[in-house]
Protein backbone atom coordinates (compact mmCIF):
# COMPACT_ATOMS: atom_id res chain seq x y z
CA UNK A 1 25.22 -4.64 -78.82
CA UNK A 2 28.74 -5.81 -79.66
CA UNK A 3 29.30 -2.72 -81.80
CA UNK A 4 28.18 -0.40 -78.97
CA UNK A 5 30.56 -2.13 -76.56
CA UNK A 6 33.51 -1.73 -78.93
CA UNK A 7 32.70 1.93 -79.52
CA UNK A 8 32.45 2.57 -75.78
CA UNK A 9 35.72 0.75 -75.14
CA UNK A 10 37.47 2.76 -77.86
CA UNK A 11 36.23 6.05 -76.38
CA UNK A 12 37.34 5.12 -72.86
CA UNK A 13 40.76 4.09 -74.20
CA UNK A 14 41.23 7.41 -75.98
CA UNK A 15 40.26 9.44 -72.92
CA UNK A 16 42.95 7.68 -70.88
CA UNK A 17 45.75 8.54 -73.33
CA UNK A 18 48.02 11.38 -72.28
CA UNK A 19 50.67 12.74 -74.61
CA UNK A 20 54.25 13.43 -73.57
CA UNK A 21 53.57 17.14 -74.10
CA UNK A 22 50.62 17.02 -71.68
CA UNK A 23 52.74 15.23 -69.06
CA UNK A 24 55.43 17.89 -69.34
CA UNK A 25 52.85 20.69 -69.24
CA UNK A 26 51.27 19.23 -66.10
CA UNK A 27 54.48 19.16 -64.07
CA UNK A 28 56.13 22.33 -65.35
CA UNK A 29 54.61 24.66 -62.70
CA UNK A 30 55.85 22.37 -59.92
CA UNK A 31 59.31 22.21 -61.52
CA UNK A 32 59.54 26.00 -61.76
CA UNK A 33 58.39 26.41 -58.14
CA UNK A 34 60.94 23.82 -56.95
CA UNK A 35 63.76 25.65 -58.73
CA UNK A 36 62.59 29.01 -57.39
CA UNK A 37 62.56 27.82 -53.77
CA UNK A 38 66.19 26.77 -54.02
CA UNK A 39 67.32 29.78 -56.05
CA UNK A 40 65.59 32.35 -53.84
CA UNK A 41 67.47 30.94 -50.87
CA UNK A 42 70.85 30.61 -52.59
CA UNK A 43 70.62 34.03 -54.27
CA UNK A 44 69.14 35.66 -51.15
CA UNK A 45 66.53 37.14 -53.46
CA UNK A 46 62.87 36.51 -52.49
CA UNK A 47 61.60 38.33 -55.60
CA UNK A 48 63.44 36.10 -58.09
CA UNK A 49 61.36 34.78 -60.98
CA UNK A 50 61.79 31.74 -63.17
CA UNK A 51 60.72 30.11 -66.38
CA UNK A 52 61.33 26.82 -68.14
CA UNK A 53 64.07 27.08 -70.76
CA UNK A 54 63.91 23.45 -71.90
CA UNK A 55 62.18 20.22 -70.97
CA UNK A 56 62.19 16.58 -71.96
CA UNK A 57 61.09 13.14 -70.82
CA UNK A 58 63.88 10.84 -69.68
CA UNK A 59 63.23 7.11 -70.00
CA UNK A 60 64.43 4.70 -67.28
CA UNK A 61 68.02 3.49 -67.64
CA UNK A 62 66.78 -0.07 -67.10
CA UNK A 63 63.37 -0.96 -68.43
CA UNK A 64 63.01 -4.66 -67.67
CA UNK A 65 59.86 -6.32 -66.31
CA UNK A 66 61.31 -7.10 -62.87
CA UNK A 67 63.62 -4.10 -62.60
CA UNK A 68 61.41 -1.33 -63.94
CA UNK A 69 62.54 2.25 -63.70
CA UNK A 70 60.63 5.49 -63.47
CA UNK A 71 60.08 7.85 -66.37
CA UNK A 72 61.20 11.35 -65.38
CA UNK A 73 60.63 14.84 -66.66
CA UNK A 74 63.75 17.01 -66.76
CA UNK A 75 63.44 20.79 -66.90
CA UNK A 76 66.09 23.47 -67.18
CA UNK A 77 64.77 26.50 -65.32
CA UNK A 78 66.18 30.00 -65.81
CA UNK A 79 66.01 32.19 -62.70
CA UNK A 80 66.51 35.95 -62.55
CA UNK A 81 66.39 38.52 -59.76
CA UNK A 82 68.38 41.04 -57.70
CA UNK A 83 70.77 41.59 -60.60
CA UNK A 84 71.66 37.89 -60.74
CA UNK A 85 70.92 35.05 -63.15
CA UNK A 86 71.26 31.31 -62.76
CA UNK A 87 69.85 28.05 -64.03
CA UNK A 88 68.69 24.95 -62.25
CA UNK A 89 67.98 21.46 -63.54
CA UNK A 90 64.82 20.02 -62.02
CA UNK A 91 63.84 16.35 -62.24
CA UNK A 92 60.29 15.17 -61.51
CA UNK A 93 58.99 11.60 -61.51
CA UNK A 94 56.12 11.20 -63.96
CA UNK A 95 52.95 10.04 -62.21
CA UNK A 96 54.68 10.68 -58.91
CA UNK A 97 54.90 13.54 -56.50
CA UNK A 98 57.72 15.91 -55.84
CA UNK A 99 60.66 17.24 -57.80
CA UNK A 100 64.37 17.64 -57.14
CA UNK A 101 66.30 20.81 -58.04
CA UNK A 102 69.95 20.29 -58.81
CA UNK A 103 72.45 23.11 -59.12
CA UNK A 104 72.66 24.69 -62.54
CA UNK A 105 75.34 26.85 -64.09
CA UNK A 106 76.07 30.37 -62.93
């Protein structure tokens, strides 16, 4: 019985593990869409398209027990359309909702 419990606990623990790559994959579509909304408006180009050029997890600046920060995913999104190209940096909170698109380089 003890062996069965340990095996079950080990399986449940493994199922709950998510890799950094999986976290980035999960939020990438939302990051691209966030960048596109801003770029389509700024470029006056509703048919603009975008894709992730780079992505990484950013750890909190302060990671103390009482002053915990939020891990963030940062994406650089390349946007193209109407003869124009631009980039946008998008930051999303991991395990949160919503992303923020900052201005990129033109």
